[in-house]
Amino acid sequence: MAAAQRLVRQAQQLRSAQLQACVSASPSTRMIVATASELSRDMHERIFAILEANMRGMYEGLDGWDASFKRMELHHPKSRYLLALHGDDVHHRRSRRIHGRARGPVLQGFVMWRYDTDDTTPDDPFSEGIVAPVAYCYELQVADAWQGRGIGAHLLQTLERLAWHAHMRKTMLTVFYINQRARSFYASHGYVTDATSPSNDDGERHHYVILCKPHPDLVNKRVELRQRAENSDA
């Protein structure tokens, strides 16, 4: 537990400028890393608008939409953002709050995540001890007008690089069962059901599933161990 907590503390201390070095841009999209406190009020409102447009209806069909709780999550001091921006003048000025001006680049989408520890189970093949250091993705949202252009994939792949850079063992996220489009998207990028995900076999009906993607080195190590075991049995 101590080792996992130490890695998370170190990750939480990384500055946005340090993480920005892991980010690559495309010809039409610039990716910007920031903490919640580095974003302007206007940018926070644009983020919330995309989240509400994409998810409010789904929440209302399940547990209900709690705007105050969502805003609290988004503004949490440990929340970090990866913004996908389109337009001129999208460079990040550390001396200013991000894009708190009347006119600025278009927000195509965003990821909100936190470096944290997450409980594990004895049968989790990618964890050691009772907790694991993870990059937990709370939100990955793309504005409706920009969906279907690979922006979500770019955001997710960049988040993974930021997780591995900080020596996290897994990226994790929660997705609604009814959100088949999102579940298919994550499956296509190598995400599997996490060992901690609740099972509907326990007699209760859970409306969400926890997904994860382990660090590639852990996957390779597991494959190597399996191959050694198969060779020794041959």
Protein backbone atom coordinates (compact mmCIF):
# COMPACT_ATOMS: atom_id res chain seq x y z
CA MET A 1 0.00 0.00 0.00
CA ALA A 2 2.80 2.40 0.89
CA ALA A 3 4.45 2.02 -2.53
CA ALA A 4 1.18 2.68 -4.35
CA GLN A 5 0.42 5.73 -2.24
CA ARG A 6 3.93 7.08 -2.84
CA LEU A 7 3.55 6.76 -6.61
CA VAL A 8 0.21 8.54 -6.49
CA ARG A 9 1.59 11.39 -4.38
CA GLN A 10 4.42 11.83 -6.85
CA ALA A 11 1.97 11.83 -9.76
CA GLN A 12 -0.27 14.37 -8.07
CA GLN A 13 2.71 16.68 -7.68
CA LEU A 14 3.48 16.68 -11.41
CA ARG A 15 2.94 20.09 -12.95
CA SER A 16 0.79 20.51 -16.02
CA ALA A 17 3.83 21.73 -17.96
CA GLN A 18 5.63 18.46 -17.18
CA LEU A 19 2.72 16.38 -18.45
CA GLN A 20 2.32 18.59 -21.52
CA ALA A 21 5.61 17.18 -22.79
CA CYS A 22 3.86 13.79 -23.23
CA VAL A 23 1.12 15.25 -25.41
CA SER A 24 1.09 15.31 -29.21
CA ALA A 25 -1.11 17.44 -31.45
CA SER A 26 -2.83 16.74 -34.75
CA PRO A 27 -3.12 19.22 -37.64
CA SER A 28 -6.56 20.39 -36.50
CA THR A 29 -6.51 19.67 -32.77
CA ARG A 30 -4.27 20.85 -29.97
CA MET A 31 -4.22 18.98 -26.67
CA ILE A 32 -3.74 21.02 -23.50
CA VAL A 33 -3.12 19.64 -19.99
CA ALA A 34 -4.40 21.63 -17.02
CA THR A 35 -5.57 21.27 -13.45
CA ALA A 36 -9.08 22.32 -12.45
CA SER A 37 -7.72 25.46 -10.80
CA GLU A 38 -5.88 26.49 -13.98
CA LEU A 39 -9.07 26.68 -16.03
CA SER A 40 -11.05 29.86 -16.43
CA ARG A 41 -14.69 30.05 -15.36
CA ASP A 42 -15.68 30.24 -19.02
CA MET A 43 -13.80 27.03 -19.82
CA HIS A 44 -15.39 25.26 -16.87
CA GLU A 45 -18.80 26.28 -18.20
CA ARG A 46 -17.97 25.00 -21.68
CA ILE A 47 -16.81 21.70 -20.19
CA PHE A 48 -20.00 21.36 -18.17
CA ALA A 49 -22.15 22.19 -21.20
CA ILE A 50 -20.64 19.31 -23.20
CA LEU A 51 -21.02 16.91 -20.28
CA GLU A 52 -24.64 17.90 -19.69
CA ALA A 53 -25.57 17.67 -23.37
CA ASN A 54 -24.05 14.20 -23.69
CA MET A 55 -25.01 12.61 -20.38
CA ARG A 56 -27.95 14.28 -18.67
CA GLY A 57 -30.58 12.19 -20.42
CA MET A 58 -28.81 8.95 -19.56
CA TYR A 59 -28.45 9.93 -15.89
CA GLU A 60 -32.11 10.94 -15.70
CA GLY A 61 -33.08 7.48 -16.92
CA LEU A 62 -31.12 5.86 -14.08
CA ASP A 63 -30.21 7.52 -10.77
CA GLY A 64 -31.11 11.06 -11.75
CA TRP A 65 -29.04 14.06 -12.82
CA ASP A 66 -27.29 15.95 -10.00
CA ALA A 67 -25.72 19.05 -11.54
CA SER A 68 -24.24 20.26 -8.24
CA PHE A 69 -22.47 16.95 -7.63
CA LYS A 70 -21.10 16.91 -11.17
CA ARG A 71 -19.77 20.44 -10.81
CA MET A 72 -18.12 19.45 -7.53
CA GLU A 73 -16.37 16.55 -9.26
CA LEU A 74 -15.21 18.76 -12.11
CA HIS A 75 -13.84 21.43 -9.76
CA HIS A 76 -12.16 19.00 -7.35
CA PRO A 77 -8.59 20.17 -6.57
CA LYS A 78 -7.14 16.82 -7.69
CA SER A 79 -9.00 16.82 -11.00
CA ARG A 80 -6.84 17.15 -14.10
CA TYR A 81 -7.94 17.94 -17.62
CA LEU A 82 -6.89 17.14 -21.13
CA LEU A 83 -8.59 19.58 -23.49
CA ALA A 84 -9.00 19.05 -27.23
CA LEU A 85 -9.07 22.50 -28.84
CA HIS A 86 -9.62 23.63 -32.41
CA GLY A 87 -8.83 27.09 -33.73
CA ASP A 88 -6.18 29.77 -33.68
CA ASP A 89 -4.16 30.82 -30.65
CA VAL A 90 -4.55 27.59 -28.69
CA HIS A 91 -1.13 27.72 -27.04
CA HIS A 92 -1.16 27.51 -23.25
CA ARG A 93 0.05 30.57 -21.34
CA ARG A 94 0.96 29.57 -17.78
CA SER A 95 0.75 33.19 -16.66
CA ARG A 96 -2.96 33.31 -17.51
CA ARG A 97 -5.96 31.25 -16.62
CA ILE A 98 -6.74 29.08 -19.60
CA HIS A 99 -8.86 30.77 -22.25
CA GLY A 100 -10.79 33.13 -20.05
CA ARG A 101 -11.42 35.47 -22.94
CA ALA A 102 -14.49 36.26 -24.95
CA ARG A 103 -13.23 34.64 -28.13
CA GLY A 104 -11.02 31.59 -28.15
CA PRO A 105 -10.52 28.15 -29.66
CA VAL A 106 -13.42 25.72 -29.90
CA LEU A 107 -13.54 23.03 -27.21
CA GLN A 108 -13.94 19.79 -29.16
CA GLY A 109 -13.83 17.49 -26.16
CA PHE A 110 -12.07 16.73 -22.92
CA VAL A 111 -10.91 14.13 -20.43
CA MET A 112 -11.11 14.68 -16.69
CA TRP A 113 -9.06 12.29 -14.60
CA ARG A 114 -7.29 11.94 -11.28
CA TYR A 115 -4.20 10.10 -10.15
CA ASP A 116 -5.39 7.98 -7.25
CA THR A 117 -5.25 4.62 -5.52
CA ASP A 118 -7.99 2.09 -6.15
CA ASP A 119 -8.92 -1.03 -4.22
CA THR A 120 -7.94 -4.36 -5.72
CA THR A 121 -8.98 -7.96 -5.25
CA PRO A 122 -6.86 -11.08 -4.70
CA ASP A 123 -7.69 -12.32 -8.21
CA ASP A 124 -6.59 -9.11 -9.94
CA PRO A 125 -3.64 -10.22 -12.12
CA PHE A 126 -2.39 -6.67 -12.66
CA SER A 127 -2.16 -5.43 -9.08
CA GLU A 128 0.05 -5.99 -6.09
CA GLY A 129 -1.25 -5.54 -2.56
CA ILE A 130 -4.67 -4.24 -1.59
CA VAL A 131 -4.53 -1.00 -3.60
CA ALA A 132 -3.10 -0.02 -6.98
CA PRO A 133 -1.91 3.34 -8.35
CA VAL A 134 -4.25 4.27 -11.20
CA ALA A 135 -5.28 7.08 -13.50
CA TYR A 136 -9.05 7.14 -13.01
CA CYS A 137 -10.96 8.69 -15.90
CA TYR A 138 -14.10 10.39 -14.59
CA GLU A 139 -15.16 11.88 -17.91
CA LEU A 140 -14.29 11.51 -21.57
CA GLN A 141 -16.66 13.66 -23.59
CA VAL A 142 -16.64 14.91 -27.18
CA ALA A 143 -18.95 17.70 -28.33
CA ASP A 144 -21.71 16.45 -30.62
CA ALA A 145 -20.49 18.43 -33.63
CA TRP A 146 -17.04 16.82 -33.36
CA GLN A 147 -17.97 13.20 -32.76
CA GLY A 148 -16.89 10.55 -35.24
CA ARG A 149 -13.61 12.30 -36.12
CA GLY A 150 -11.19 10.34 -33.93
CA ILE A 151 -11.01 12.97 -31.19
CA GLY A 152 -12.20 10.56 -28.50
CA ALA A 153 -9.54 8.04 -29.48
CA HIS A 154 -6.86 10.74 -29.43
CA LEU A 155 -7.97 11.85 -25.97
CA LEU A 156 -8.00 8.30 -24.61
CA GLN A 157 -4.61 7.38 -26.04
CA THR A 158 -3.11 10.57 -24.65
CA LEU A 159 -4.59 9.86 -21.22
CA GLU A 160 -2.92 6.46 -21.29
CA ARG A 161 0.46 8.03 -22.05
CA LEU A 162 -0.04 10.40 -19.12
CA ALA A 163 -0.86 7.42 -16.90
CA TRP A 164 2.19 5.40 -17.92
CA HIS A 165 4.42 8.48 -17.62
CA ALA A 166 3.38 8.73 -13.97
CA HIS A 167 4.00 4.99 -13.41
CA MET A 168 0.36 4.10 -12.83
CA ARG A 169 -0.48 0.40 -13.13
CA LYS A 170 -3.84 0.91 -14.83
CA THR A 171 -6.19 3.40 -16.37
CA MET A 172 -9.73 2.91 -15.06
CA LEU A 173 -13.20 4.27 -15.70
CA THR A 174 -16.87 3.60 -15.00
CA VAL A 175 -19.42 3.29 -17.80
CA PHE A 176 -23.18 2.69 -17.79
CA TYR A 177 -24.28 -0.75 -19.00
CA ILE A 178 -26.87 0.89 -21.23
CA ASN A 179 -24.19 3.00 -22.92
CA GLN A 180 -23.35 0.36 -25.49
CA ARG A 181 -21.65 2.85 -27.79
CA ALA A 182 -19.16 3.81 -25.06
CA ARG A 183 -18.61 0.20 -24.02
CA SER A 184 -17.81 -0.77 -27.61
CA PHE A 185 -15.48 2.20 -27.95
CA TYR A 186 -13.47 1.26 -24.88
CA ALA A 187 -13.38 -2.42 -25.83
CA SER A 188 -11.92 -1.48 -29.21
CA HIS A 189 -9.10 0.25 -27.34
CA GLY A 190 -8.23 -2.74 -25.18
CA TYR A 191 -10.32 -2.05 -22.09
CA VAL A 192 -11.63 -5.02 -20.13
CA THR A 193 -13.86 -5.48 -17.10
CA ASP A 194 -11.86 -4.73 -13.97
CA ALA A 195 -11.61 -7.31 -11.18
CA THR A 196 -13.36 -4.84 -8.86
CA SER A 197 -16.37 -4.34 -11.13
CA PRO A 198 -19.66 -5.42 -9.49
CA SER A 199 -21.27 -8.52 -10.95
CA ASN A 200 -24.94 -8.92 -11.72
CA ASP A 201 -24.56 -12.53 -10.60
CA ASP A 202 -24.69 -11.43 -6.94
CA GLY A 203 -28.45 -11.04 -7.06
CA GLU A 204 -28.42 -7.27 -7.50
CA ARG A 205 -28.83 -5.33 -10.71
CA HIS A 206 -25.93 -2.95 -11.23
CA HIS A 207 -26.28 -0.32 -13.94
CA TYR A 208 -22.58 0.28 -14.45
CA VAL A 209 -19.37 -1.60 -15.13
CA ILE A 210 -15.80 -0.69 -14.17
CA LEU A 211 -13.31 -1.03 -17.00
CA CYS A 212 -9.54 -0.92 -16.96
CA LYS A 213 -6.50 -1.11 -19.18
CA PRO A 214 -3.30 -2.29 -17.50
CA HIS A 215 0.13 -0.90 -18.22
CA PRO A 216 1.55 -2.61 -21.35
CA ASP A 217 4.58 -3.84 -19.39
CA LEU A 218 2.28 -5.70 -16.99
CA VAL A 219 0.46 -7.33 -19.90
CA ASN A 220 3.73 -8.36 -21.53
CA LYS A 221 5.01 -9.77 -18.25
CA ARG A 222 1.85 -11.81 -17.79
CA VAL A 223 2.12 -13.19 -21.33
CA GLU A 224 5.77 -14.08 -20.73
CA LEU A 225 4.95 -15.91 -17.50
CA ARG A 226 2.14 -17.82 -19.21
CA GLN A 227 4.46 -18.85 -22.04
CA ARG A 228 7.09 -20.03 -19.57
CA ALA A 229 4.49 -22.10 -17.75
CA GLU A 230 3.29 -23.65 -21.01
CA ASN A 231 6.86 -24.45 -22.07
CA SER A 232 7.65 -26.08 -18.73
CA ASP A 233 4.57 -28.28 -19.06
CA ALA A 234 5.45 -29.32 -22.60
